[in-house]
């Protein structure tokens, strides 16, 4: 296989592995058997090793078992990352509603359970994930890009390549996953 064929095949396999990984890990709706997914993944891994010039940190082969960093560079947020405000009684809720109605005509609300995790900003340039950072003090956070690349539910490439997009949210570990990690650490002691 020549370089151009390899480049084309690597891109094709990356898209397939990413697609099937998303169906399995995020949507819980796999479209292929585990064996087929593993075969595609290993074929991609072998090609990337044979043609290292096509290395890409956004490749699905860089996600699982990816080594995160424990020291972080500062990231200055262009727009301050605020935190959610707690409301503890109906009086505070009414006051919040009045403040919103002073600024927004006929507001609609969505209420959901609070998820307590790590607030992060995901930044995409031309549809490709290039940086992830923590909220920090709201003005300056920490660059946790390498750690976030290991989170399978975070897309590394968007279907529409927008020039720039910042998405903010929470990264958290479901209770069952957390309990498995704790149990594994206890047995390792």
N, C-alpha and C. Protein backbone atom coordinates (compact mmCIF):
# COMPACT_ATOMS: atom_id res chain seq x y z
N UNK A 1 0.85 -1.17 0.00
CA UNK A 1 0.00 0.00 0.00
C UNK A 1 0.90 1.24 0.00
N UNK A 2 0.66 2.16 -0.94
CA UNK A 2 1.47 3.37 -0.99
C UNK A 2 0.93 4.42 0.00
N UNK A 3 1.66 5.54 0.12
CA UNK A 3 1.31 6.58 1.11
C UNK A 3 -0.09 7.13 0.90
N UNK A 4 -0.46 7.42 -0.33
CA UNK A 4 -1.78 8.02 -0.60
C UNK A 4 -2.91 7.04 -0.28
N UNK A 5 -2.70 5.78 -0.63
CA UNK A 5 -3.70 4.76 -0.30
C UNK A 5 -3.83 4.61 1.22
N UNK A 6 -2.69 4.63 1.90
CA UNK A 6 -2.68 4.50 3.35
C UNK A 6 -3.38 5.70 4.00
N UNK A 7 -3.09 6.88 3.50
CA UNK A 7 -3.72 8.09 4.05
C UNK A 7 -5.24 8.01 3.91
N UNK A 8 -5.70 7.60 2.74
CA UNK A 8 -7.13 7.49 2.48
C UNK A 8 -7.76 6.41 3.37
N UNK A 9 -7.10 5.26 3.49
CA UNK A 9 -7.63 4.16 4.30
C UNK A 9 -7.66 4.54 5.78
N UNK A 10 -6.62 5.24 6.26
CA UNK A 10 -6.58 5.68 7.66
C UNK A 10 -7.75 6.61 7.95
N UNK A 11 -8.00 7.55 7.06
CA UNK A 11 -9.11 8.49 7.26
C UNK A 11 -10.45 7.75 7.27
N UNK A 12 -10.59 6.83 6.35
CA UNK A 12 -11.81 6.02 6.26
C UNK A 12 -12.03 5.21 7.54
N UNK A 13 -10.97 4.58 8.03
CA UNK A 13 -11.07 3.78 9.25
C UNK A 13 -11.34 4.66 10.48
N UNK A 14 -10.72 5.83 10.53
CA UNK A 14 -10.97 6.74 11.66
C UNK A 14 -12.45 7.11 11.72
N UNK A 15 -13.02 7.42 10.58
CA UNK A 15 -14.44 7.79 10.54
C UNK A 15 -15.32 6.61 10.96
N UNK A 16 -14.99 5.41 10.49
CA UNK A 16 -15.78 4.23 10.85
C UNK A 16 -15.67 3.91 12.34
N UNK A 17 -14.45 3.93 12.87
CA UNK A 17 -14.24 3.61 14.28
C UNK A 17 -14.91 4.67 15.15
N UNK A 18 -14.80 5.92 14.77
CA UNK A 18 -15.45 7.00 15.52
C UNK A 18 -16.97 6.84 15.49
N UNK A 19 -17.50 6.54 14.33
CA UNK A 19 -18.95 6.35 14.19
C UNK A 19 -19.44 5.20 15.07
N UNK A 20 -18.78 4.05 14.95
CA UNK A 20 -19.22 2.89 15.71
C UNK A 20 -18.95 3.06 17.21
N UNK A 21 -17.87 3.74 17.57
CA UNK A 21 -17.61 4.03 18.98
C UNK A 21 -18.69 4.92 19.57
N UNK A 22 -19.13 5.90 18.81
CA UNK A 22 -20.19 6.80 19.26
C UNK A 22 -21.50 6.02 19.44
N UNK A 23 -21.81 5.16 18.48
CA UNK A 23 -23.04 4.35 18.60
C UNK A 23 -22.99 3.47 19.85
N UNK A 24 -21.81 2.94 20.15
CA UNK A 24 -21.68 2.02 21.29
C UNK A 24 -21.58 2.76 22.63
N UNK A 25 -20.62 3.69 22.74
CA UNK A 25 -20.32 4.31 24.02
C UNK A 25 -21.29 5.43 24.40
N UNK A 26 -21.80 6.16 23.44
CA UNK A 26 -22.65 7.32 23.74
C UNK A 26 -24.13 6.98 23.60
N UNK A 27 -24.49 6.37 22.48
CA UNK A 27 -25.90 6.10 22.21
C UNK A 27 -26.38 4.76 22.76
N UNK A 28 -25.43 3.89 23.17
CA UNK A 28 -25.77 2.56 23.65
C UNK A 28 -26.61 1.82 22.60
N UNK A 29 -26.22 1.97 21.34
CA UNK A 29 -26.94 1.36 20.23
C UNK A 29 -25.93 0.89 19.18
N UNK A 30 -25.14 -0.14 19.50
CA UNK A 30 -24.11 -0.58 18.57
C UNK A 30 -24.69 -1.09 17.25
N UNK A 31 -23.97 -0.82 16.18
CA UNK A 31 -24.40 -1.25 14.85
C UNK A 31 -23.58 -2.43 14.33
N UNK A 32 -22.48 -2.74 15.02
CA UNK A 32 -21.65 -3.89 14.62
C UNK A 32 -21.30 -4.68 15.88
N UNK A 33 -20.93 -5.93 15.69
CA UNK A 33 -20.50 -6.77 16.81
C UNK A 33 -19.16 -6.26 17.34
N UNK A 34 -18.88 -6.57 18.60
CA UNK A 34 -17.61 -6.16 19.22
C UNK A 34 -16.41 -6.63 18.39
N UNK A 35 -16.50 -7.84 17.88
CA UNK A 35 -15.39 -8.39 17.08
C UNK A 35 -15.09 -7.50 15.87
N UNK A 36 -16.14 -7.07 15.18
CA UNK A 36 -15.98 -6.23 13.98
C UNK A 36 -15.38 -4.88 14.35
N UNK A 37 -15.86 -4.29 15.46
CA UNK A 37 -15.32 -3.01 15.92
C UNK A 37 -13.83 -3.17 16.26
N UNK A 38 -13.49 -4.22 17.00
CA UNK A 38 -12.10 -4.46 17.37
C UNK A 38 -11.22 -4.67 16.14
N UNK A 39 -11.75 -5.36 15.13
CA UNK A 39 -11.00 -5.59 13.89
C UNK A 39 -10.69 -4.27 13.20
N UNK A 40 -11.71 -3.39 13.09
CA UNK A 40 -11.51 -2.09 12.46
C UNK A 40 -10.49 -1.25 13.25
N UNK A 41 -10.64 -1.27 14.58
CA UNK A 41 -9.75 -0.51 15.45
C UNK A 41 -8.30 -0.97 15.28
N UNK A 42 -8.08 -2.27 15.30
CA UNK A 42 -6.71 -2.79 15.18
C UNK A 42 -6.13 -2.57 13.79
N UNK A 43 -6.97 -2.61 12.78
CA UNK A 43 -6.50 -2.32 11.42
C UNK A 43 -6.02 -0.86 11.36
N UNK A 44 -6.78 0.04 11.97
CA UNK A 44 -6.39 1.44 12.02
C UNK A 44 -5.09 1.61 12.79
N UNK A 45 -4.99 0.97 13.93
CA UNK A 45 -3.79 1.06 14.77
C UNK A 45 -2.56 0.61 14.00
N UNK A 46 -2.67 -0.49 13.28
CA UNK A 46 -1.55 -1.02 12.50
C UNK A 46 -1.13 -0.05 11.40
N UNK A 47 -2.11 0.53 10.72
CA UNK A 47 -1.79 1.50 9.66
C UNK A 47 -1.13 2.76 10.22
N UNK A 48 -1.63 3.23 11.36
CA UNK A 48 -1.03 4.42 11.97
C UNK A 48 0.40 4.15 12.43
N UNK A 49 0.67 2.94 12.89
CA UNK A 49 2.03 2.58 13.29
C UNK A 49 2.93 2.46 12.06
N UNK A 50 2.40 1.94 10.96
CA UNK A 50 3.18 1.78 9.73
C UNK A 50 3.42 3.11 9.02
N UNK A 51 2.52 4.08 9.22
CA UNK A 51 2.62 5.39 8.57
C UNK A 51 2.51 6.50 9.63
N UNK A 52 3.55 6.65 10.47
CA UNK A 52 3.48 7.62 11.57
C UNK A 52 3.36 9.08 11.11
N UNK A 53 3.65 9.34 9.84
CA UNK A 53 3.52 10.71 9.33
C UNK A 53 2.07 11.19 9.31
N UNK A 54 1.13 10.25 9.43
CA UNK A 54 -0.30 10.61 9.45
C UNK A 54 -0.86 10.64 10.87
N UNK A 55 0.03 10.75 11.85
CA UNK A 55 -0.40 10.82 13.25
C UNK A 55 -1.37 11.98 13.44
N UNK A 56 -2.39 11.73 14.26
CA UNK A 56 -3.40 12.75 14.54
C UNK A 56 -3.88 12.56 15.98
N UNK A 57 -3.72 13.59 16.84
CA UNK A 57 -4.14 13.44 18.23
C UNK A 57 -5.65 13.21 18.37
N UNK A 58 -6.41 13.47 17.30
CA UNK A 58 -7.86 13.26 17.34
C UNK A 58 -8.27 11.88 16.85
N UNK A 59 -7.32 11.04 16.53
CA UNK A 59 -7.64 9.69 16.09
C UNK A 59 -8.28 8.91 17.24
N UNK A 60 -9.26 8.07 16.94
CA UNK A 60 -9.86 7.27 18.01
C UNK A 60 -8.86 6.35 18.71
N UNK A 61 -7.74 6.06 18.08
CA UNK A 61 -6.74 5.22 18.73
C UNK A 61 -6.02 5.96 19.85
N UNK A 62 -6.16 7.26 19.91
CA UNK A 62 -5.50 8.05 20.95
C UNK A 62 -6.38 8.24 22.18
N UNK A 63 -7.57 7.70 22.18
CA UNK A 63 -8.51 7.94 23.28
C UNK A 63 -8.41 6.92 24.40
N UNK A 64 -8.58 5.68 24.11
CA UNK A 64 -8.62 4.66 25.15
C UNK A 64 -7.22 4.50 25.74
N UNK A 65 -7.15 4.58 27.05
CA UNK A 65 -5.86 4.41 27.71
C UNK A 65 -4.95 5.60 27.49
N UNK A 66 -5.49 6.67 26.94
CA UNK A 66 -4.69 7.87 26.75
C UNK A 66 -4.19 8.36 28.09
N UNK A 67 -2.96 8.80 28.14
CA UNK A 67 -2.38 9.24 29.39
C UNK A 67 -2.70 10.71 29.59
N UNK A 68 -3.37 11.03 30.68
CA UNK A 68 -3.67 12.41 31.01
C UNK A 68 -2.49 13.05 31.72
N UNK A 69 -2.49 14.34 31.79
CA UNK A 69 -1.44 15.08 32.47
C UNK A 69 -1.86 15.38 33.90
N UNK A 70 -0.87 15.55 34.77
CA UNK A 70 -1.16 15.90 36.16
C UNK A 70 -0.70 17.31 36.48
N UNK A 71 -0.02 17.97 35.56
CA UNK A 71 0.33 19.39 35.72
C UNK A 71 -0.27 20.10 34.52
N UNK A 72 -0.81 21.28 34.76
CA UNK A 72 -1.61 21.92 33.73
C UNK A 72 -1.17 23.36 33.48
N UNK A 73 -1.25 23.76 32.21
CA UNK A 73 -0.96 25.13 31.82
C UNK A 73 -2.20 25.98 32.03
N UNK A 74 -2.02 27.26 32.37
CA UNK A 74 -3.19 28.13 32.54
C UNK A 74 -3.85 28.47 31.20
N UNK A 75 -5.17 28.66 31.24
CA UNK A 75 -5.95 29.08 30.07
C UNK A 75 -6.75 30.30 30.50
N UNK A 76 -6.59 31.40 29.79
CA UNK A 76 -7.37 32.61 30.08
C UNK A 76 -8.67 32.50 29.28
N UNK A 77 -9.82 32.55 29.97
CA UNK A 77 -11.11 32.46 29.30
C UNK A 77 -11.45 33.80 28.65
N UNK A 78 -11.83 33.76 27.38
CA UNK A 78 -12.23 34.96 26.66
C UNK A 78 -13.48 35.55 27.30
N UNK A 79 -14.42 34.70 27.64
CA UNK A 79 -15.64 35.09 28.34
C UNK A 79 -15.62 34.34 29.67
N UNK A 80 -15.81 35.05 30.75
CA UNK A 80 -15.75 34.45 32.08
C UNK A 80 -16.67 33.24 32.17
N UNK A 81 -16.17 32.19 32.81
CA UNK A 81 -16.97 31.00 33.07
C UNK A 81 -17.58 31.17 34.45
N UNK A 82 -18.88 31.43 34.49
CA UNK A 82 -19.56 31.57 35.77
C UNK A 82 -19.94 30.22 36.32
N UNK A 83 -20.51 30.22 37.51
CA UNK A 83 -21.00 28.98 38.10
C UNK A 83 -22.50 29.12 38.33
N UNK A 84 -23.15 27.99 38.49
CA UNK A 84 -24.59 28.01 38.74
C UNK A 84 -24.88 28.60 40.11
N UNK A 85 -26.00 29.27 40.21
CA UNK A 85 -26.41 29.82 41.50
C UNK A 85 -27.47 28.91 42.10
N UNK A 86 -27.27 28.59 43.37
CA UNK A 86 -28.23 27.74 44.08
C UNK A 86 -29.44 28.57 44.53
N UNK A 87 -30.58 27.95 44.53
CA UNK A 87 -31.82 28.54 45.05
C UNK A 87 -32.33 27.57 46.09
N UNK A 88 -32.59 28.07 47.31
CA UNK A 88 -32.94 27.19 48.42
C UNK A 88 -34.39 27.27 48.86
N UNK A 89 -35.15 28.27 48.38
CA UNK A 89 -36.55 28.34 48.77
C UNK A 89 -37.35 29.05 47.68
N UNK A 90 -38.69 29.05 47.83
CA UNK A 90 -39.56 29.64 46.80
C UNK A 90 -39.35 31.14 46.66
N UNK A 91 -39.01 31.81 47.73
CA UNK A 91 -38.77 33.25 47.67
C UNK A 91 -37.59 33.57 46.75
N UNK A 92 -36.50 32.80 46.88
CA UNK A 92 -35.33 32.99 46.01
C UNK A 92 -35.68 32.63 44.56
N UNK A 93 -36.50 31.61 44.38
CA UNK A 93 -36.92 31.22 43.04
C UNK A 93 -37.75 32.31 42.39
N UNK A 94 -38.67 32.91 43.14
CA UNK A 94 -39.49 34.02 42.62
C UNK A 94 -38.62 35.22 42.26
N UNK A 95 -37.63 35.51 43.09
CA UNK A 95 -36.72 36.64 42.81
C UNK A 95 -35.94 36.38 41.52
N UNK A 96 -35.49 35.15 41.33
CA UNK A 96 -34.79 34.79 40.10
C UNK A 96 -35.71 35.00 38.88
N UNK A 97 -36.94 34.50 38.99
CA UNK A 97 -37.91 34.63 37.89
C UNK A 97 -38.15 36.10 37.55
N UNK A 98 -38.28 36.95 38.56
CA UNK A 98 -38.50 38.39 38.30
C UNK A 98 -37.31 38.99 37.55
N UNK A 99 -36.09 38.64 37.96
CA UNK A 99 -34.90 39.17 37.28
C UNK A 99 -34.87 38.74 35.81
N UNK A 100 -35.23 37.49 35.56
CA UNK A 100 -35.25 36.99 34.18
C UNK A 100 -36.32 37.72 33.38
N UNK A 101 -37.53 37.86 33.93
CA UNK A 101 -38.64 38.51 33.22
C UNK A 101 -38.38 39.99 32.96
N UNK A 102 -37.52 40.61 33.75
CA UNK A 102 -37.13 41.99 33.48
C UNK A 102 -36.31 42.10 32.20
N UNK A 103 -35.68 40.99 31.80
CA UNK A 103 -34.78 41.01 30.64
C UNK A 103 -35.30 40.21 29.44
N UNK A 104 -36.17 39.22 29.72
CA UNK A 104 -36.62 38.31 28.66
C UNK A 104 -38.14 38.25 28.67
N UNK A 105 -38.71 38.44 27.49
CA UNK A 105 -40.16 38.37 27.38
C UNK A 105 -40.60 36.91 27.28
N UNK A 106 -41.57 36.51 28.06
CA UNK A 106 -42.11 35.14 28.07
C UNK A 106 -41.02 34.06 28.14
N UNK A 107 -40.22 34.06 29.18
CA UNK A 107 -39.15 33.04 29.26
C UNK A 107 -39.74 31.65 29.45
N UNK A 108 -39.00 30.65 28.97
CA UNK A 108 -39.35 29.25 29.21
C UNK A 108 -38.18 28.63 29.94
N UNK A 109 -38.46 27.77 30.89
CA UNK A 109 -37.42 27.17 31.71
C UNK A 109 -37.32 25.67 31.45
N UNK A 110 -36.13 25.16 31.60
CA UNK A 110 -35.88 23.73 31.58
C UNK A 110 -35.24 23.41 32.93
N UNK A 111 -35.80 22.46 33.63
CA UNK A 111 -35.29 22.08 34.95
C UNK A 111 -34.79 20.65 34.87
N UNK A 112 -33.61 20.44 35.38
CA UNK A 112 -33.06 19.09 35.39
C UNK A 112 -32.29 18.88 36.69
N UNK A 113 -32.03 17.63 37.00
CA UNK A 113 -31.28 17.31 38.21
C UNK A 113 -29.89 17.90 38.11
N UNK A 114 -29.36 18.31 39.24
CA UNK A 114 -28.01 18.87 39.28
C UNK A 114 -27.01 17.74 39.17
N UNK A 115 -26.06 17.91 38.32
CA UNK A 115 -24.96 16.97 38.19
C UNK A 115 -23.73 17.69 38.70
N UNK A 116 -23.09 17.13 39.69
CA UNK A 116 -21.92 17.77 40.25
C UNK A 116 -20.68 17.11 39.67
N UNK A 117 -20.01 17.83 38.83
CA UNK A 117 -18.80 17.31 38.20
C UNK A 117 -17.78 18.41 38.07
N UNK A 118 -17.00 18.34 37.04
CA UNK A 118 -15.97 19.33 36.76
C UNK A 118 -16.44 20.19 35.59
N UNK A 119 -16.57 21.50 35.82
CA UNK A 119 -16.99 22.40 34.75
C UNK A 119 -15.84 22.54 33.75
N UNK A 120 -16.17 22.35 32.48
CA UNK A 120 -15.14 22.45 31.45
C UNK A 120 -15.63 23.26 30.26
N UNK A 121 -14.68 23.75 29.53
CA UNK A 121 -14.92 24.43 28.26
C UNK A 121 -14.24 23.58 27.19
N UNK A 122 -15.00 23.26 26.13
CA UNK A 122 -14.44 22.53 24.98
C UNK A 122 -14.38 23.51 23.82
N UNK A 123 -13.22 23.67 23.22
CA UNK A 123 -13.07 24.61 22.11
C UNK A 123 -12.76 23.85 20.82
N UNK A 124 -13.49 24.23 19.78
CA UNK A 124 -13.34 23.63 18.45
C UNK A 124 -12.95 24.71 17.46
N UNK A 125 -11.98 24.40 16.61
CA UNK A 125 -11.57 25.30 15.53
C UNK A 125 -11.73 24.53 14.23
N UNK A 126 -12.50 25.10 13.31
CA UNK A 126 -12.80 24.45 12.03
C UNK A 126 -13.37 23.04 12.26
N UNK A 127 -14.17 22.92 13.33
CA UNK A 127 -14.85 21.66 13.62
C UNK A 127 -14.02 20.62 14.33
N UNK A 128 -12.77 20.96 14.70
CA UNK A 128 -11.88 20.00 15.35
C UNK A 128 -11.58 20.45 16.78
N UNK A 129 -11.74 19.53 17.74
CA UNK A 129 -11.46 19.82 19.14
C UNK A 129 -9.99 20.17 19.28
N UNK A 130 -9.69 21.36 19.83
CA UNK A 130 -8.29 21.71 19.99
C UNK A 130 -7.90 22.05 21.43
N UNK A 131 -8.89 22.36 22.28
CA UNK A 131 -8.51 22.65 23.66
C UNK A 131 -9.69 22.45 24.60
N UNK A 132 -9.38 21.90 25.76
CA UNK A 132 -10.34 21.76 26.83
C UNK A 132 -9.74 22.33 28.10
N UNK A 133 -10.55 23.06 28.84
CA UNK A 133 -10.02 23.68 30.06
C UNK A 133 -11.06 23.65 31.17
N UNK A 134 -10.58 23.78 32.39
CA UNK A 134 -11.45 23.85 33.56
C UNK A 134 -11.91 25.28 33.77
N UNK A 135 -12.91 25.46 34.64
CA UNK A 135 -13.39 26.81 34.95
C UNK A 135 -12.35 27.57 35.77
N UNK A 136 -11.69 26.90 36.68
CA UNK A 136 -10.73 27.59 37.56
C UNK A 136 -11.46 28.63 38.37
N UNK A 137 -10.92 29.86 38.37
CA UNK A 137 -11.57 30.94 39.12
C UNK A 137 -12.60 31.69 38.27
N UNK A 138 -12.87 31.18 37.07
CA UNK A 138 -13.81 31.84 36.16
C UNK A 138 -13.12 32.65 35.10
N UNK A 139 -11.96 33.21 35.45
CA UNK A 139 -11.17 34.00 34.49
C UNK A 139 -10.02 33.18 33.92
N UNK A 140 -9.40 32.37 34.78
CA UNK A 140 -8.27 31.53 34.38
C UNK A 140 -8.53 30.11 34.83
N UNK A 141 -8.49 29.19 33.87
CA UNK A 141 -8.65 27.78 34.18
C UNK A 141 -7.37 27.04 33.86
N UNK A 142 -7.48 25.71 33.75
CA UNK A 142 -6.32 24.89 33.45
C UNK A 142 -6.58 24.08 32.17
N UNK A 143 -5.55 23.93 31.37
CA UNK A 143 -5.63 23.18 30.13
C UNK A 143 -5.64 21.69 30.45
N UNK A 144 -6.78 21.03 30.21
CA UNK A 144 -6.92 19.60 30.47
C UNK A 144 -7.27 18.85 29.18
N UNK A 145 -6.76 19.37 28.05
CA UNK A 145 -7.07 18.81 26.74
C UNK A 145 -6.77 17.32 26.66
N UNK A 146 -5.56 16.92 27.08
CA UNK A 146 -5.17 15.51 26.96
C UNK A 146 -6.10 14.62 27.78
N UNK A 147 -6.50 15.08 28.96
CA UNK A 147 -7.40 14.29 29.79
C UNK A 147 -8.78 14.17 29.14
N UNK A 148 -9.28 15.28 28.57
CA UNK A 148 -10.61 15.26 27.96
C UNK A 148 -10.65 14.42 26.69
N UNK A 149 -9.52 14.29 25.99
CA UNK A 149 -9.49 13.46 24.79
C UNK A 149 -9.81 12.00 25.10
N UNK A 150 -9.64 11.59 26.36
CA UNK A 150 -9.92 10.19 26.72
C UNK A 150 -11.39 9.95 27.01
N UNK A 151 -12.20 11.02 27.09
CA UNK A 151 -13.63 10.88 27.37
C UNK A 151 -14.35 10.57 26.06
N UNK A 152 -14.86 9.38 25.93
CA UNK A 152 -15.43 8.91 24.65
C UNK A 152 -16.66 9.69 24.21
N UNK A 153 -17.40 10.29 25.13
CA UNK A 153 -18.61 11.00 24.73
C UNK A 153 -18.32 12.41 24.23
N UNK A 154 -17.08 12.85 24.30
CA UNK A 154 -16.71 14.16 23.76
C UNK A 154 -16.28 13.98 22.31
N UNK A 155 -17.01 14.58 21.37
CA UNK A 155 -16.61 14.44 19.96
C UNK A 155 -15.31 15.19 19.69
N UNK A 156 -14.40 14.56 18.99
CA UNK A 156 -13.15 15.20 18.63
C UNK A 156 -13.28 15.97 17.32
N UNK A 157 -14.33 15.64 16.56
CA UNK A 157 -14.58 16.31 15.29
C UNK A 157 -16.09 16.51 15.16
N UNK A 158 -16.49 17.73 14.79
CA UNK A 158 -17.91 18.04 14.64
C UNK A 158 -18.38 17.72 13.23
N UNK A 159 -19.64 17.36 13.07
CA UNK A 159 -20.15 17.06 11.72
C UNK A 159 -20.12 18.29 10.81
N UNK A 160 -20.28 19.49 11.39
CA UNK A 160 -20.22 20.73 10.62
C UNK A 160 -19.00 21.52 11.08
N UNK A 161 -18.05 21.77 10.20
CA UNK A 161 -16.81 22.43 10.61
C UNK A 161 -16.97 23.95 10.79
N UNK A 162 -17.53 24.35 11.93
CA UNK A 162 -17.68 25.77 12.25
C UNK A 162 -16.29 26.39 12.47
N UNK A 163 -16.12 27.66 12.12
CA UNK A 163 -14.81 28.29 12.32
C UNK A 163 -14.34 28.25 13.78
N UNK A 164 -15.26 28.52 14.72
CA UNK A 164 -14.93 28.45 16.14
C UNK A 164 -16.21 28.15 16.92
N UNK A 165 -16.10 27.25 17.88
CA UNK A 165 -17.22 26.94 18.75
C UNK A 165 -16.67 26.61 20.12
N UNK A 166 -17.28 27.19 21.15
CA UNK A 166 -16.94 26.84 22.53
C UNK A 166 -18.19 26.25 23.17
N UNK A 167 -18.03 25.08 23.79
CA UNK A 167 -19.13 24.40 24.46
C UNK A 167 -18.73 24.25 25.92
N UNK A 168 -19.66 24.62 26.80
CA UNK A 168 -19.38 24.50 28.23
C UNK A 168 -20.33 23.50 28.86
N UNK A 169 -19.82 22.74 29.80
CA UNK A 169 -20.65 21.74 30.46
C UNK A 169 -19.93 21.12 31.64
N UNK A 170 -20.43 19.97 32.07
CA UNK A 170 -19.88 19.26 33.22
C UNK A 170 -19.35 17.91 32.77
N UNK A 171 -18.19 17.55 33.26
CA UNK A 171 -17.66 16.21 33.08
C UNK A 171 -17.85 15.51 34.42
N UNK A 172 -18.49 14.37 34.39
CA UNK A 172 -18.73 13.65 35.63
C UNK A 172 -18.63 12.15 35.40
N UNK A 173 -18.50 11.43 36.50
CA UNK A 173 -18.41 9.98 36.44
C UNK A 173 -19.68 9.42 37.07
N UNK A 174 -20.43 8.60 36.33
CA UNK A 174 -21.63 7.99 36.94
C UNK A 174 -21.25 7.18 38.18
N UNK A 175 -22.17 7.11 39.11
CA UNK A 175 -21.91 6.48 40.41
C UNK A 175 -21.36 5.05 40.26
N UNK A 176 -21.95 4.24 39.38
CA UNK A 176 -21.47 2.85 39.23
C UNK A 176 -20.02 2.82 38.75
N UNK A 177 -19.67 3.71 37.83
CA UNK A 177 -18.29 3.76 37.35
C UNK A 177 -17.35 4.18 38.47
N UNK A 178 -17.77 5.17 39.25
CA UNK A 178 -16.97 5.64 40.38
C UNK A 178 -16.74 4.50 41.37
N UNK A 179 -17.80 3.76 41.67
CA UNK A 179 -17.68 2.66 42.62
C UNK A 179 -16.73 1.57 42.10
N UNK A 180 -16.74 1.31 40.79
CA UNK A 180 -15.82 0.32 40.22
C UNK A 180 -14.37 0.79 40.35
N UNK A 181 -14.13 2.09 40.12
CA UNK A 181 -12.78 2.64 40.25
C UNK A 181 -12.30 2.51 41.69
N UNK A 182 -13.16 2.87 42.64
CA UNK A 182 -12.79 2.79 44.06
C UNK A 182 -12.49 1.34 44.43
N UNK A 183 -13.33 0.42 43.99
CA UNK A 183 -13.10 -1.01 44.30
C UNK A 183 -11.78 -1.49 43.72
N UNK A 184 -11.47 -1.08 42.51
CA UNK A 184 -10.21 -1.50 41.88
C UNK A 184 -9.01 -0.92 42.63
N UNK A 185 -9.14 0.31 43.09
CA UNK A 185 -8.04 0.93 43.85
C UNK A 185 -7.84 0.23 45.19
N UNK A 186 -8.95 -0.16 45.81
CA UNK A 186 -8.84 -0.85 47.11
C UNK A 186 -8.14 -2.20 46.95
N UNK A 187 -8.46 -2.94 45.89
CA UNK A 187 -7.83 -4.24 45.69
C UNK A 187 -6.35 -4.09 45.31
N UNK A 188 -5.98 -2.95 44.73
CA UNK A 188 -4.59 -2.71 44.35
C UNK A 188 -3.71 -2.40 45.56
N UNK A 189 -4.32 -2.00 46.66
CA UNK A 189 -3.53 -1.63 47.87
C UNK A 189 -2.94 -2.81 48.55
